Amino acid sequence: METVWIGSHSGASLQSAIRNFKSAMLSRRLLFALSSLARRPAPCSLLHALSFVVALLLALCSSADAQQPAKVRRIGVLLSSSPSLSAARNEALRQGLRELGYVEGQNLTMEYRYAEGKLDRLSELAAELVRLNLDLIVVTGTRAAVAAKKSTTTIPIVIAGAGDPVRAGLIRSFTRPGGNVTGVSRISPDLTGKRLELLKETVPKASRMAALFNPDNPGHGPALKEIELGASARGMRLQPVGIKAPGGFESAFAAAAKERVDALFLMPDAFFHSYVTRIVQLAAKNRLPAMYDRADFVEAGGLMSYAVDLADLSRRAAWYVDQILQGASPADLPMVEPTKSELMINLKTAQGLGLTIPPNVLARADRVIK
């Protein structure tokens, strides 16, 4: 008896192997039937024999049809930053999709658009993706999500990390988004409080804190009120400092220094993420201990960050992509909050600022640069 080898597969490969196996079995059944008819001395009804063969042929045709390549899905990815800065998040998204059976170059095409830090280009890039008539669009960051939302109300949009989507007008609520937008948020109720707590513990004598915000970010206005309340509860007075253009950094830090602030709190924004080195250098120049929202700043010489795992957000966004491609409506898929956060501290920077990181803070650090 001939053995039909299926092999070891996973996901789409296993389904393909099963289809090949079924086809092979049908082919063998047809050959067996024909050889049986040839050997049969009978009386065998010719009509009955032909009917049997035709039925098997139809079954084979159906099997062949079932083996036709699956529909190629087309999704867009809109990002505020550059390909190099987005590489880890893009790979996490692709990995999540592969685990769900979507492989780029086989049954998936991905169209990437990068604003390269020029946030005014996001609307143009979003409109460009909409014209491609894609199955859905994945976005990272609040500004990218808003640009995509303004460009289409019909193409599903999956957020792979953004600020408060309710305050930004992207969804009605986390449990019932209600429109064409859903996905994974970059904030959680305790994230801001945790950052303020860690900064105050690290700089216990701080009484005035500057909050660097972007006036063009729709979520920053309401968030400042939350930060002000949190700072006040910890004995600090808040000094908001707005920056919305590259030429405004020096004057903003000069204004903060004039107010004699003791610490700096950077609010999450794609614009700030495009000027990591400049912000870190100005904080060092003005001797400001700073709490950042991304590890990139600490790696560049910033003091500390308490940040969500951005790659994990993109990986989790793949589940939403799969659900929507299978027919689910984004309006009915609840948004979720981040589940992984990391504290990173730069001891070399602390030493340069004349700070001693308290043992209880250092013990909580996930990563330490010495």
Protein backbone atom coordinates (compact mmCIF):
# COMPACT_ATOMS: atom_id res chain seq x y z
CA MET A 1 0.00 0.00 0.00
CA GLU A 2 1.39 3.41 -1.02
CA THR A 3 1.92 5.92 1.77
CA VAL A 4 0.85 9.54 1.32
CA TRP A 5 3.21 11.76 3.31
CA ILE A 6 1.74 14.96 4.82
CA GLY A 7 4.72 16.14 6.86
CA SER A 8 4.91 18.63 9.70
CA HIS A 9 3.14 21.90 9.07
CA SER A 10 1.47 24.71 10.92
CA GLY A 11 -1.29 27.20 10.13
CA ALA A 12 -1.92 27.71 6.41
CA SER A 13 0.72 25.06 5.52
CA LEU A 14 -1.24 22.39 7.37
CA GLN A 15 -4.44 23.32 5.57
CA SER A 16 -2.60 23.08 2.24
CA ALA A 17 -1.21 19.68 3.17
CA ILE A 18 -4.66 18.41 4.09
CA ARG A 19 -6.05 19.59 0.75
CA ASN A 20 -3.21 17.81 -1.11
CA PHE A 21 -3.91 14.66 0.86
CA LYS A 22 -7.62 14.75 -0.02
CA SER A 23 -6.79 15.32 -3.68
CA ALA A 24 -4.39 12.39 -3.66
CA MET A 25 -7.00 10.16 -2.08
CA LEU A 26 -9.58 11.13 -4.71
CA SER A 27 -7.10 10.43 -7.51
CA ARG A 28 -6.42 6.97 -6.12
CA ARG A 29 -10.16 6.29 -5.78
CA LEU A 30 -10.67 7.23 -9.43
CA LEU A 31 -7.86 4.97 -10.64
CA PHE A 32 -9.14 2.15 -8.48
CA ALA A 33 -12.66 2.57 -9.84
CA LEU A 34 -11.51 2.57 -13.46
CA SER A 35 -9.31 -0.50 -12.98
CA SER A 36 -12.18 -2.28 -11.23
CA LEU A 37 -14.50 -1.56 -14.12
CA ALA A 38 -11.94 -2.87 -16.58
CA ARG A 39 -11.61 -6.15 -14.69
CA ARG A 40 -15.35 -6.58 -14.10
CA PRO A 41 -16.75 -9.33 -16.40
CA ALA A 42 -20.17 -8.15 -15.46
CA PRO A 43 -23.12 -7.75 -16.59
CA CYS A 44 -22.44 -4.15 -15.58
CA SER A 45 -24.67 -1.36 -16.60
CA LEU A 46 -22.64 1.01 -18.77
CA LEU A 47 -24.82 3.90 -17.66
CA HIS A 48 -24.22 3.07 -14.00
CA ALA A 49 -20.45 2.84 -14.53
CA LEU A 50 -20.28 6.15 -16.39
CA SER A 51 -22.36 7.85 -13.70
CA PHE A 52 -19.95 6.63 -11.06
CA VAL A 53 -16.89 7.89 -12.95
CA VAL A 54 -18.50 11.28 -13.64
CA ALA A 55 -19.30 11.69 -9.95
CA LEU A 56 -15.68 11.03 -9.04
CA LEU A 57 -14.46 13.47 -11.69
CA LEU A 58 -16.74 16.16 -10.29
CA ALA A 59 -15.36 15.50 -6.82
CA LEU A 60 -11.83 15.90 -8.17
CA CYS A 61 -12.75 19.18 -9.85
CA SER A 62 -14.22 20.46 -6.59
CA SER A 63 -11.03 19.50 -4.79
CA ALA A 64 -8.94 21.34 -7.40
CA ASP A 65 -11.09 24.43 -6.99
CA ALA A 66 -10.61 24.29 -3.23
CA GLN A 67 -6.83 24.35 -3.75
CA GLN A 68 -6.89 27.68 -5.59
CA PRO A 69 -4.76 30.33 -3.83
CA ALA A 70 -6.53 32.08 -0.94
CA LYS A 71 -7.59 35.68 -1.41
CA VAL A 72 -4.68 38.07 -0.96
CA ARG A 73 -5.51 40.61 1.74
CA ARG A 74 -4.22 44.17 1.40
CA ILE A 75 -3.60 46.30 4.45
CA GLY A 76 -2.01 49.71 4.88
CA VAL A 77 0.30 50.79 7.70
CA LEU A 78 0.52 54.50 8.54
CA LEU A 79 3.37 55.63 10.78
CA SER A 80 4.57 59.00 12.04
CA SER A 81 8.24 58.07 12.16
CA SER A 82 10.82 56.58 9.79
CA PRO A 83 11.33 52.97 8.63
CA SER A 84 14.36 52.56 10.89
CA LEU A 85 12.60 53.85 14.02
CA SER A 86 9.53 51.73 13.23
CA ALA A 87 11.39 48.52 12.36
CA ALA A 88 10.78 46.71 15.65
CA ARG A 89 7.08 47.57 15.72
CA ASN A 90 6.60 46.58 12.07
CA GLU A 91 8.28 43.22 12.64
CA ALA A 92 6.12 42.61 15.73
CA LEU A 93 3.00 43.28 13.64
CA ARG A 94 4.17 40.91 10.90
CA GLN A 95 5.01 38.26 13.49
CA GLY A 96 1.56 38.53 15.02
CA LEU A 97 -0.03 38.22 11.58
CA ARG A 98 2.13 35.21 10.67
CA GLU A 99 0.98 33.43 13.82
CA LEU A 100 -2.58 33.92 12.60
CA GLY A 101 -1.85 32.57 9.10
CA TYR A 102 -1.18 35.81 7.20
CA VAL A 103 2.18 35.81 5.43
CA GLU A 104 3.42 38.86 3.56
CA GLY A 105 4.16 37.96 -0.05
CA GLN A 106 1.79 34.95 0.02
CA ASN A 107 -1.72 35.81 1.16
CA LEU A 108 -0.95 39.31 2.42
CA THR A 109 0.23 42.58 0.90
CA MET A 110 1.27 45.47 3.16
CA GLU A 111 1.49 49.09 2.03
CA TYR A 112 3.67 51.21 4.33
CA ARG A 113 3.59 55.00 4.52
CA TYR A 114 6.01 56.95 6.75
CA ALA A 115 5.69 60.61 7.72
CA GLU A 116 9.39 60.68 8.71
CA GLY A 117 8.57 62.98 11.62
CA LYS A 118 6.79 65.49 9.34
CA LEU A 119 3.39 65.18 10.96
CA ASP A 120 1.73 67.59 8.55
CA ARG A 121 2.17 64.88 5.89
CA LEU A 122 0.00 62.37 7.74
CA SER A 123 -3.26 63.57 6.16
CA GLU A 124 -1.78 63.29 2.67
CA LEU A 125 -0.38 59.82 3.35
CA ALA A 126 -3.66 58.64 4.89
CA ALA A 127 -5.60 59.84 1.84
CA GLU A 128 -3.11 58.01 -0.38
CA LEU A 129 -3.75 54.75 1.46
CA VAL A 130 -7.52 55.24 1.26
CA ARG A 131 -7.29 55.60 -2.53
CA LEU A 132 -5.67 52.15 -2.71
CA ASN A 133 -8.99 50.61 -1.60
CA LEU A 134 -7.37 48.47 1.09
CA ASP A 135 -9.05 45.94 3.37
CA LEU A 136 -8.00 47.94 6.44
CA ILE A 137 -5.39 50.38 7.76
CA VAL A 138 -3.13 49.92 10.80
CA VAL A 139 -1.95 53.14 12.48
CA THR A 140 0.54 53.95 15.25
CA GLY A 141 0.16 57.14 17.25
CA THR A 142 -2.74 59.51 17.94
CA ARG A 143 -1.94 61.92 15.12
CA ALA A 144 -1.79 59.10 12.55
CA ALA A 145 -5.05 57.67 13.85
CA VAL A 146 -6.81 61.05 13.60
CA ALA A 147 -5.49 61.58 10.06
CA ALA A 148 -6.75 58.14 8.98
CA LYS A 149 -10.13 58.68 10.66
CA LYS A 150 -10.60 61.98 8.84
CA SER A 151 -9.76 60.30 5.53
CA THR A 152 -12.27 57.46 5.73
CA THR A 153 -15.32 56.36 7.67
CA THR A 154 -15.70 53.06 5.82
CA ILE A 155 -12.27 51.37 5.75
CA PRO A 156 -11.58 49.73 9.15
CA ILE A 157 -8.75 51.31 11.15
CA VAL A 158 -6.74 49.33 13.72
CA ILE A 159 -4.74 51.30 16.29
CA ALA A 160 -1.42 49.76 17.32
CA GLY A 161 -0.70 52.16 20.16
CA ALA A 162 -2.11 55.68 20.54
CA GLY A 163 -3.01 58.17 23.25
CA ASP A 164 -6.50 58.49 24.70
CA PRO A 165 -8.75 57.51 21.74
CA VAL A 166 -11.90 58.83 23.43
CA ARG A 167 -10.48 62.30 24.08
CA ALA A 168 -9.09 62.36 20.54
CA GLY A 169 -12.57 61.68 19.15
CA LEU A 170 -11.57 58.37 17.59
CA ILE A 171 -14.05 56.13 19.44
CA ARG A 172 -17.13 56.52 21.64
CA SER A 173 -15.87 54.28 24.42
CA PHE A 174 -13.38 51.48 24.99
CA THR A 175 -16.10 48.85 25.31
CA ARG A 176 -18.13 50.01 22.29
CA PRO A 177 -15.94 51.94 19.84
CA GLY A 178 -18.96 52.53 17.60
CA GLY A 179 -17.23 53.55 14.36
CA ASN A 180 -14.56 52.22 12.05
CA VAL A 181 -11.72 52.47 14.62
CA THR A 182 -10.56 49.99 17.28
CA GLY A 183 -7.33 48.42 18.52
CA VAL A 184 -4.81 48.81 21.33
CA SER A 185 -4.35 52.02 23.32
CA ARG A 186 -0.95 53.23 24.53
CA ILE A 187 -2.25 54.59 27.82
CA SER A 188 -3.86 53.19 30.93
CA PRO A 189 -5.43 55.00 33.91
CA ASP A 190 -2.45 54.41 36.19
CA LEU A 191 0.35 55.12 33.68
CA THR A 192 0.55 58.89 34.23
CA GLY A 193 0.28 58.47 37.99
CA LYS A 194 3.08 55.91 37.98
CA ARG A 195 5.38 58.23 36.02
CA LEU A 196 4.72 61.11 38.40
CA GLU A 197 5.27 58.86 41.40
CA LEU A 198 8.63 57.59 40.14
CA LEU A 199 9.82 61.08 39.22
CA LYS A 200 8.91 62.46 42.65
CA GLU A 201 10.58 59.54 44.42
CA THR A 202 13.71 60.09 42.37
CA VAL A 203 13.73 63.87 42.95
CA PRO A 204 12.01 64.16 46.35
CA LYS A 205 12.84 67.88 46.73
CA ALA A 206 11.14 68.82 43.44
CA SER A 207 8.44 71.46 43.97
CA ARG A 208 7.93 72.78 40.41
CA MET A 209 7.63 70.47 37.41
CA ALA A 210 7.55 71.43 33.73
CA ALA A 211 5.30 69.37 31.44
CA LEU A 212 6.39 69.44 27.81
CA PHE A 213 3.29 69.20 25.60
CA ASN A 214 2.27 69.74 21.97
CA PRO A 215 -0.65 72.19 21.51
CA ASP A 216 -1.52 70.44 18.23
CA ASN A 217 -2.06 67.09 19.96
CA PRO A 218 -5.83 66.73 20.62
CA GLY A 219 -5.26 64.62 23.72
CA HIS A 220 -2.76 66.86 25.49
CA GLY A 221 -5.17 69.54 26.69
CA PRO A 222 -7.35 67.20 28.79
CA ALA A 223 -4.30 65.17 29.86
CA LEU A 224 -2.62 68.26 31.32
CA LYS A 225 -5.45 68.59 33.83
CA GLU A 226 -4.85 65.02 35.00
CA ILE A 227 -1.11 65.67 35.29
CA GLU A 228 -1.71 68.88 37.23
CA LEU A 229 -3.89 67.05 39.75
CA GLY A 230 -1.32 64.27 40.09
CA ALA A 231 1.55 66.72 40.51
CA SER A 232 -0.37 68.73 43.10
CA ALA A 233 -1.13 65.58 45.10
CA ARG A 234 2.62 64.96 45.26
CA GLY A 235 3.52 68.47 46.35
CA MET A 236 4.56 69.82 42.94
CA ARG A 237 3.31 72.82 41.02
CA LEU A 238 2.84 72.24 37.28
CA GLN A 239 4.35 74.52 34.62
CA PRO A 240 3.01 73.59 31.13
CA VAL A 241 5.47 74.29 28.29
CA GLY A 242 4.09 74.02 24.76
CA ILE A 243 6.15 73.17 21.67
CA LYS A 244 4.73 72.47 18.20
CA ALA A 245 7.63 73.30 15.86
CA PRO A 246 11.32 72.29 15.75
CA GLY A 247 12.42 75.87 16.28
CA GLY A 248 10.63 76.12 19.61
CA PHE A 249 12.70 73.76 21.74
CA GLU A 250 15.37 76.20 22.91
CA SER A 251 12.90 78.92 23.88
CA ALA A 252 10.65 76.39 25.65
CA PHE A 253 13.48 75.08 27.80
CA ALA A 254 14.61 78.65 28.49
CA ALA A 255 11.08 79.46 29.70
CA ALA A 256 11.12 76.41 31.97
CA ALA A 257 14.48 77.42 33.41
CA LYS A 258 13.17 80.94 34.03
CA GLU A 259 10.35 79.44 36.13
CA ARG A 260 13.00 77.57 38.17
CA VAL A 261 11.46 74.13 37.60
CA ASP A 262 13.08 71.17 39.36
CA ALA A 263 12.00 68.38 37.00
CA LEU A 264 10.63 67.69 33.53
CA PHE A 265 7.72 65.49 32.48
CA LEU A 266 7.55 64.71 28.75
CA MET A 267 4.08 63.97 27.39
CA PRO A 268 3.81 61.27 24.68
CA ASP A 269 3.77 62.74 21.18
CA ALA A 270 5.05 61.66 17.76
CA PHE A 271 6.59 65.09 17.21
CA PHE A 272 8.74 64.76 20.33
CA HIS A 273 9.72 61.23 19.34
CA SER A 274 11.30 62.67 16.19
CA TYR A 275 13.65 64.89 18.23
CA VAL A 276 14.91 62.54 20.93
CA THR A 277 18.53 63.69 20.94
CA ARG A 278 17.70 67.40 20.96
CA ILE A 279 15.30 67.07 23.89
CA VAL A 280 17.75 64.97 25.92
CA GLN A 281 20.59 67.41 25.27
CA LEU A 282 18.49 70.41 26.31
CA ALA A 283 17.38 68.65 29.49
CA ALA A 284 21.03 67.96 30.34
CA LYS A 285 22.08 71.52 29.48
CA ASN A 286 19.44 72.89 31.86
CA ARG A 287 20.20 70.17 34.45
CA LEU A 288 16.62 68.92 34.51
CA PRO A 289 15.88 65.39 35.77
CA ALA A 290 13.30 64.14 33.28
CA MET A 291 10.71 61.39 33.05
CA TYR A 292 10.19 60.19 29.48
CA ASP A 293 7.54 58.02 27.85
CA ARG A 294 9.91 55.91 25.73
CA ALA A 295 13.14 54.02 26.35
CA ASP A 296 14.73 55.72 23.29
CA PHE A 297 15.23 58.87 25.38
CA VAL A 298 17.06 57.01 28.15
CA GLU A 299 19.25 55.19 25.64
CA ALA A 300 20.13 58.62 24.22
CA GLY A 301 21.16 59.90 27.67
CA GLY A 302 17.86 60.79 29.36
CA LEU A 303 17.42 60.07 33.06
CA MET A 304 14.49 57.66 33.21
CA SER A 305 11.42 56.33 31.40
CA TYR A 306 8.38 54.36 32.37
CA ALA A 307 7.11 53.10 29.05
CA VAL A 308 4.76 50.59 27.52
CA ASP A 309 6.15 47.82 25.32
CA LEU A 310 5.44 49.31 21.87
CA ALA A 311 6.28 46.12 19.99
CA ASP A 312 3.75 44.25 22.13
CA LEU A 313 1.06 46.75 21.13
CA SER A 314 1.72 46.05 17.44
CA ARG A 315 1.73 42.30 18.04
CA ARG A 316 -1.63 42.52 19.82
CA ALA A 317 -3.04 44.67 17.01
CA ALA A 318 -2.66 41.67 14.68
CA TRP A 319 -5.58 39.99 16.47
CA TYR A 320 -7.86 42.90 15.51
CA VAL A 321 -6.67 42.67 11.90
CA ASP A 322 -7.57 38.98 11.83
CA GLN A 323 -11.00 39.51 13.39
CA ILE A 324 -11.91 42.25 10.91
CA LEU A 325 -10.67 40.28 7.90
CA GLN A 326 -12.93 37.45 9.05
CA GLY A 327 -15.93 39.75 9.01
CA ALA A 328 -16.09 41.37 12.46
CA SER A 329 -16.99 45.05 12.69
CA PRO A 330 -14.51 47.38 14.42
CA ALA A 331 -17.51 49.10 16.02
CA ASP A 332 -18.13 45.94 18.08
CA LEU A 333 -14.53 45.06 19.00
CA PRO A 334 -13.62 46.62 22.38
CA MET A 335 -10.33 48.49 22.56
CA VAL A 336 -7.79 47.31 25.14
CA GLU A 337 -5.09 48.97 27.21
CA PRO A 338 -1.37 48.10 27.39
CA THR A 339 -0.40 45.25 29.70
CA LYS A 340 3.41 45.51 29.66
CA SER A 341 5.39 48.46 31.04
CA GLU A 342 9.12 48.88 31.67
CA LEU A 343 11.12 51.16 33.96
CA MET A 344 14.50 52.15 32.58
CA ILE A 345 17.10 54.26 34.43
CA ASN A 346 20.38 55.80 33.24
CA LEU A 347 22.74 55.86 36.23
CA LYS A 348 25.42 57.72 34.28
CA THR A 349 22.96 60.56 33.66
CA ALA A 350 21.89 60.53 37.31
CA GLN A 351 25.51 60.91 38.36
CA GLY A 352 25.96 63.84 35.99
CA LEU A 353 22.92 65.55 37.54
CA GLY A 354 24.21 64.90 41.07
CA LEU A 355 21.31 62.55 41.82
CA THR A 356 21.35 59.36 43.82
CA ILE A 357 18.62 56.99 42.67
CA PRO A 358 16.76 55.71 45.77
CA PRO A 359 17.28 51.95 46.33
CA ASN A 360 13.52 51.29 46.24
CA VAL A 361 13.29 52.93 42.79
CA LEU A 362 16.39 51.19 41.47
CA ALA A 363 15.05 47.84 42.66
CA ARG A 364 11.98 48.29 40.45
CA ALA A 365 13.99 49.04 37.30
CA ASP A 366 13.71 46.56 34.43
CA ARG A 367 16.76 47.98 32.67
CA VAL A 368 19.66 50.03 34.02
CA ILE A 369 22.34 51.84 32.01
CA LYS A 370 25.56 52.20 34.01
